[in-house]
N, C-alpha and C. Protein backbone atom coordinates (compact mmCIF):
# COMPACT_ATOMS: atom_id res chain seq x y z
N MET A 1 37.39 88.53 -194.33
CA MET A 1 36.39 89.50 -193.88
C MET A 1 35.19 89.49 -194.82
N THR A 2 34.03 89.49 -194.26
CA THR A 2 32.79 89.51 -195.02
C THR A 2 32.37 90.96 -195.26
N ASP A 3 31.81 91.24 -196.44
CA ASP A 3 31.32 92.59 -196.72
C ASP A 3 30.23 92.98 -195.74
N HIS A 4 30.24 94.23 -195.37
CA HIS A 4 29.21 94.74 -194.47
C HIS A 4 27.86 94.79 -195.19
N ILE A 5 26.81 94.66 -194.41
CA ILE A 5 25.46 94.88 -194.89
C ILE A 5 24.93 96.10 -194.14
N VAL A 6 23.80 96.64 -194.58
CA VAL A 6 23.28 97.86 -193.96
C VAL A 6 21.79 97.73 -193.69
N HIS A 7 21.34 98.59 -192.77
CA HIS A 7 19.92 98.65 -192.42
C HIS A 7 19.59 100.12 -192.17
N LEU A 8 18.55 100.61 -192.83
CA LEU A 8 18.11 102.00 -192.68
C LEU A 8 17.01 102.06 -191.63
N THR A 9 17.11 103.02 -190.72
CA THR A 9 16.11 103.12 -189.67
C THR A 9 16.00 104.56 -189.17
N GLU A 10 14.97 104.79 -188.40
CA GLU A 10 14.79 106.09 -187.75
C GLU A 10 15.77 106.21 -186.59
N ARG A 11 16.36 107.37 -186.45
CA ARG A 11 17.35 107.60 -185.40
C ARG A 11 16.80 107.24 -184.01
N SER A 12 15.56 107.63 -183.73
CA SER A 12 14.98 107.38 -182.41
C SER A 12 14.88 105.88 -182.11
N LEU A 13 14.58 105.08 -183.11
CA LEU A 13 14.49 103.63 -182.91
C LEU A 13 15.87 103.04 -182.62
N TRP A 14 16.89 103.56 -183.28
CA TRP A 14 18.24 103.09 -183.02
C TRP A 14 18.69 103.48 -181.61
N GLU A 15 18.38 104.70 -181.21
CA GLU A 15 18.76 105.14 -179.86
C GLU A 15 18.10 104.27 -178.79
N GLU A 16 16.85 103.91 -178.98
CA GLU A 16 16.15 103.02 -178.05
C GLU A 16 16.84 101.65 -178.02
N ALA A 17 17.22 101.15 -179.18
CA ALA A 17 17.88 99.84 -179.26
C ALA A 17 19.24 99.86 -178.57
N ARG A 18 19.96 100.93 -178.71
CA ARG A 18 21.27 101.03 -178.05
C ARG A 18 21.11 100.92 -176.54
N ALA A 19 20.07 101.51 -176.02
CA ALA A 19 19.82 101.46 -174.57
C ALA A 19 19.48 100.03 -174.12
N ARG A 20 18.78 99.25 -174.98
CA ARG A 20 18.38 97.88 -174.67
C ARG A 20 19.48 96.86 -174.95
N GLY A 21 20.31 97.17 -175.93
CA GLY A 21 21.36 96.24 -176.35
C GLY A 21 21.04 95.43 -177.58
N THR A 22 19.77 95.48 -178.02
CA THR A 22 19.38 94.79 -179.26
C THR A 22 18.39 95.64 -180.04
N TYR A 23 18.41 95.44 -181.34
CA TYR A 23 17.53 96.14 -182.27
C TYR A 23 16.58 95.10 -182.85
N GLU A 24 15.26 95.40 -182.85
CA GLU A 24 14.28 94.40 -183.27
C GLU A 24 13.21 94.97 -184.20
N ILE A 25 13.59 95.92 -185.06
CA ILE A 25 12.67 96.46 -186.06
C ILE A 25 13.01 95.83 -187.41
N SER A 26 12.03 95.25 -188.07
CA SER A 26 12.27 94.60 -189.35
C SER A 26 12.43 95.63 -190.46
N THR A 27 11.45 96.46 -190.59
CA THR A 27 11.45 97.56 -191.55
C THR A 27 10.43 98.57 -191.04
N ARG A 28 10.25 99.63 -191.72
CA ARG A 28 9.36 100.67 -191.22
C ARG A 28 7.98 100.12 -190.86
N GLY A 29 7.61 100.31 -189.60
CA GLY A 29 6.28 99.93 -189.15
C GLY A 29 6.10 98.46 -188.84
N ARG A 30 7.14 97.64 -188.95
CA ARG A 30 7.04 96.21 -188.68
C ARG A 30 8.19 95.76 -187.80
N THR A 31 7.86 94.97 -186.80
CA THR A 31 8.88 94.48 -185.89
C THR A 31 9.41 93.12 -186.36
N LEU A 32 10.51 92.72 -185.77
CA LEU A 32 11.07 91.40 -186.02
C LEU A 32 10.02 90.32 -185.73
N GLN A 33 9.29 90.47 -184.64
CA GLN A 33 8.28 89.48 -184.27
C GLN A 33 7.16 89.39 -185.31
N GLU A 34 6.78 90.51 -185.90
CA GLU A 34 5.72 90.52 -186.90
C GLU A 34 6.19 89.94 -188.24
N GLU A 35 7.40 90.28 -188.64
CA GLU A 35 7.91 89.91 -189.96
C GLU A 35 8.66 88.58 -189.96
N GLY A 36 9.30 88.24 -188.84
CA GLY A 36 10.06 87.00 -188.76
C GLY A 36 11.55 87.18 -188.99
N PHE A 37 11.93 88.32 -189.53
CA PHE A 37 13.34 88.63 -189.76
C PHE A 37 13.50 90.14 -189.88
N ILE A 38 14.75 90.60 -189.86
CA ILE A 38 15.06 92.01 -190.04
C ILE A 38 15.57 92.21 -191.47
N HIS A 39 14.91 93.08 -192.21
CA HIS A 39 15.32 93.39 -193.58
C HIS A 39 16.62 94.19 -193.56
N CYS A 40 17.58 93.77 -194.37
CA CYS A 40 18.81 94.53 -194.57
C CYS A 40 19.04 94.69 -196.06
N SER A 41 20.10 95.39 -196.41
CA SER A 41 20.43 95.65 -197.80
C SER A 41 21.94 95.66 -197.97
N THR A 42 22.35 95.64 -199.23
CA THR A 42 23.73 95.98 -199.56
C THR A 42 23.76 97.49 -199.75
N ARG A 43 24.93 98.06 -199.86
CA ARG A 43 25.01 99.51 -200.13
C ARG A 43 24.32 99.85 -201.44
N ALA A 44 24.49 99.00 -202.44
CA ALA A 44 23.88 99.27 -203.75
C ALA A 44 22.36 99.23 -203.69
N GLN A 45 21.79 98.41 -202.82
CA GLN A 45 20.34 98.29 -202.70
C GLN A 45 19.73 99.39 -201.85
N LEU A 46 20.53 100.06 -201.05
CA LEU A 46 20.02 101.02 -200.06
C LEU A 46 19.19 102.16 -200.66
N PRO A 47 19.60 102.80 -201.75
CA PRO A 47 18.76 103.89 -202.28
C PRO A 47 17.34 103.44 -202.66
N GLY A 48 17.22 102.24 -203.22
CA GLY A 48 15.89 101.73 -203.57
C GLY A 48 15.05 101.46 -202.34
N THR A 49 15.67 100.91 -201.31
CA THR A 49 14.97 100.66 -200.05
C THR A 49 14.50 101.97 -199.45
N ALA A 50 15.37 102.96 -199.46
CA ALA A 50 15.03 104.28 -198.90
C ALA A 50 13.86 104.91 -199.65
N ALA A 51 13.90 104.85 -200.96
CA ALA A 51 12.84 105.45 -201.77
C ALA A 51 11.51 104.73 -201.56
N ARG A 52 11.56 103.43 -201.40
CA ARG A 52 10.33 102.65 -201.29
C ARG A 52 9.66 102.76 -199.92
N PHE A 53 10.47 102.79 -198.85
CA PHE A 53 9.91 102.71 -197.51
C PHE A 53 10.06 103.96 -196.65
N PHE A 54 10.98 104.85 -197.01
CA PHE A 54 11.31 105.96 -196.11
C PHE A 54 11.29 107.33 -196.78
N ALA A 55 10.72 107.44 -197.95
CA ALA A 55 10.80 108.68 -198.73
C ALA A 55 10.23 109.89 -197.99
N ASP A 56 9.26 109.69 -197.12
CA ASP A 56 8.62 110.82 -196.45
C ASP A 56 9.22 111.10 -195.07
N LEU A 57 10.31 110.44 -194.71
CA LEU A 57 10.92 110.64 -193.40
C LEU A 57 12.29 111.28 -193.51
N ASP A 58 12.64 112.00 -192.46
CA ASP A 58 14.02 112.47 -192.36
C ASP A 58 14.56 111.98 -191.01
N ASP A 59 15.75 112.39 -190.65
CA ASP A 59 16.42 111.95 -189.43
C ASP A 59 16.58 110.43 -189.39
N LEU A 60 17.08 109.91 -190.51
CA LEU A 60 17.34 108.48 -190.63
C LEU A 60 18.83 108.21 -190.47
N VAL A 61 19.14 107.00 -190.03
CA VAL A 61 20.53 106.57 -189.94
C VAL A 61 20.69 105.22 -190.63
N VAL A 62 21.90 104.99 -191.10
CA VAL A 62 22.26 103.73 -191.72
C VAL A 62 23.10 102.96 -190.70
N LEU A 63 22.63 101.79 -190.34
CA LEU A 63 23.39 100.91 -189.46
C LEU A 63 24.28 100.04 -190.33
N VAL A 64 25.57 100.15 -190.14
CA VAL A 64 26.53 99.34 -190.89
C VAL A 64 26.84 98.11 -190.04
N ILE A 65 26.51 96.95 -190.57
CA ILE A 65 26.55 95.70 -189.82
C ILE A 65 27.67 94.80 -190.33
N ASP A 66 28.48 94.30 -189.41
CA ASP A 66 29.53 93.35 -189.76
C ASP A 66 28.96 91.94 -189.58
N PRO A 67 28.72 91.22 -190.67
CA PRO A 67 28.15 89.87 -190.55
C PRO A 67 28.98 88.92 -189.68
N ASP A 68 30.27 89.15 -189.59
CA ASP A 68 31.12 88.30 -188.77
C ASP A 68 30.84 88.46 -187.27
N ARG A 69 30.15 89.54 -186.91
CA ARG A 69 29.82 89.79 -185.50
C ARG A 69 28.41 89.36 -185.13
N LEU A 70 27.67 88.85 -186.07
CA LEU A 70 26.28 88.45 -185.80
C LEU A 70 26.23 87.17 -184.98
N ASP A 71 25.24 87.11 -184.11
CA ASP A 71 25.00 85.88 -183.35
C ASP A 71 23.63 85.29 -183.69
N VAL A 72 23.09 85.72 -184.83
CA VAL A 72 21.83 85.18 -185.36
C VAL A 72 22.07 84.82 -186.83
N PRO A 73 21.24 83.93 -187.40
CA PRO A 73 21.42 83.54 -188.79
C PRO A 73 21.20 84.71 -189.77
N LEU A 74 22.04 84.75 -190.79
CA LEU A 74 21.92 85.70 -191.90
C LEU A 74 21.64 84.88 -193.16
N LYS A 75 20.53 85.20 -193.83
CA LYS A 75 20.17 84.48 -195.06
C LYS A 75 19.95 85.49 -196.18
N TRP A 76 20.40 85.13 -197.36
CA TRP A 76 20.17 85.94 -198.55
C TRP A 76 18.96 85.36 -199.27
N GLU A 77 17.91 86.20 -199.40
CA GLU A 77 16.66 85.70 -199.96
C GLU A 77 16.05 86.72 -200.91
N ALA A 78 15.36 86.21 -201.91
CA ALA A 78 14.65 87.05 -202.87
C ALA A 78 13.20 87.18 -202.44
N PRO A 79 12.60 88.38 -202.61
CA PRO A 79 11.19 88.54 -202.24
C PRO A 79 10.24 87.78 -203.18
N ALA A 80 10.73 87.42 -204.36
CA ALA A 80 9.95 86.66 -205.32
C ALA A 80 10.93 85.84 -206.16
N PRO A 81 10.48 84.74 -206.74
CA PRO A 81 11.38 83.94 -207.57
C PRO A 81 12.03 84.78 -208.67
N GLY A 82 13.34 84.67 -208.77
CA GLY A 82 14.07 85.40 -209.81
C GLY A 82 14.42 86.83 -209.46
N ALA A 83 13.92 87.33 -208.34
CA ALA A 83 14.21 88.71 -207.94
C ALA A 83 15.57 88.78 -207.25
N GLU A 84 16.05 89.98 -207.08
CA GLU A 84 17.33 90.22 -206.41
C GLU A 84 17.25 89.76 -204.96
N GLU A 85 18.32 89.16 -204.48
CA GLU A 85 18.38 88.69 -203.10
C GLU A 85 18.78 89.82 -202.15
N PHE A 86 18.18 89.81 -200.97
CA PHE A 86 18.47 90.76 -199.91
C PHE A 86 18.91 89.99 -198.67
N PRO A 87 19.78 90.60 -197.86
CA PRO A 87 20.16 89.94 -196.60
C PRO A 87 19.08 90.11 -195.54
N HIS A 88 18.76 89.01 -194.87
CA HIS A 88 17.76 89.01 -193.80
C HIS A 88 18.38 88.43 -192.54
N LEU A 89 18.15 89.08 -191.40
CA LEU A 89 18.64 88.59 -190.11
C LEU A 89 17.50 87.88 -189.40
N TYR A 90 17.72 86.65 -189.01
CA TYR A 90 16.70 85.86 -188.33
C TYR A 90 16.92 85.87 -186.83
N GLY A 91 16.72 87.04 -186.26
CA GLY A 91 16.83 87.22 -184.82
C GLY A 91 17.20 88.67 -184.53
N PRO A 92 17.23 89.03 -183.26
CA PRO A 92 17.56 90.41 -182.89
C PRO A 92 18.99 90.77 -183.29
N LEU A 93 19.17 92.00 -183.70
CA LEU A 93 20.49 92.52 -184.05
C LEU A 93 21.16 93.04 -182.79
N ALA A 94 22.26 92.42 -182.38
CA ALA A 94 23.02 92.90 -181.23
C ALA A 94 23.70 94.21 -181.62
N VAL A 95 23.61 95.21 -180.76
CA VAL A 95 24.21 96.51 -181.10
C VAL A 95 25.71 96.39 -181.33
N ASP A 96 26.36 95.38 -180.77
CA ASP A 96 27.79 95.18 -180.98
C ASP A 96 28.14 94.77 -182.40
N ALA A 97 27.16 94.29 -183.16
CA ALA A 97 27.40 93.93 -184.56
C ALA A 97 27.37 95.14 -185.48
N VAL A 98 26.89 96.27 -184.95
CA VAL A 98 26.84 97.52 -185.73
C VAL A 98 28.19 98.23 -185.55
N VAL A 99 28.95 98.31 -186.62
CA VAL A 99 30.31 98.85 -186.53
C VAL A 99 30.37 100.34 -186.86
N GLU A 100 29.30 100.87 -187.42
CA GLU A 100 29.25 102.30 -187.73
C GLU A 100 27.79 102.71 -187.90
N VAL A 101 27.51 103.95 -187.56
CA VAL A 101 26.19 104.53 -187.77
C VAL A 101 26.40 105.79 -188.59
N GLU A 102 25.77 105.85 -189.75
CA GLU A 102 25.96 106.97 -190.67
C GLU A 102 24.65 107.74 -190.82
N GLU A 103 24.78 109.02 -191.05
CA GLU A 103 23.61 109.84 -191.38
C GLU A 103 23.14 109.45 -192.78
N TRP A 104 21.83 109.33 -192.95
CA TRP A 104 21.29 109.09 -194.29
C TRP A 104 20.93 110.42 -194.88
N GLU A 105 21.52 110.73 -196.00
CA GLU A 105 21.24 112.00 -196.66
C GLU A 105 20.49 111.73 -197.94
N VAL A 106 19.31 112.27 -198.00
CA VAL A 106 18.48 112.13 -199.17
C VAL A 106 18.99 113.08 -200.24
N THR A 107 19.17 112.55 -201.43
CA THR A 107 19.60 113.41 -202.53
C THR A 107 18.37 114.01 -203.21
N PRO A 108 18.39 115.33 -203.47
CA PRO A 108 17.23 115.98 -204.10
C PRO A 108 16.99 115.41 -205.48
N ARG A 109 15.72 115.34 -205.84
CA ARG A 109 15.36 114.82 -207.18
C ARG A 109 15.20 115.94 -208.17
């Protein structure tokens, strides 16, 4: 079994994707078509992603993705040489690959 990866998104965008059968948002404000891939994270990377891209939003959900259920390529890539690698999906995320949807709870600072 491969470790799950995660993707943080707005609840409304996930609900729309469930109705279509695929999710195609790369990250906040950017689509798969614009970015070329869907940004994902490990659980350990998720707080940093949330702080950087979603700090001013609430009603977020964490999509828990089983890589073994993906039908698109998954690549681990660093945003810059020597930086930490993040999982990227090179194609639409099938809703069937999402094994759990969790509420994202922001911890007060």
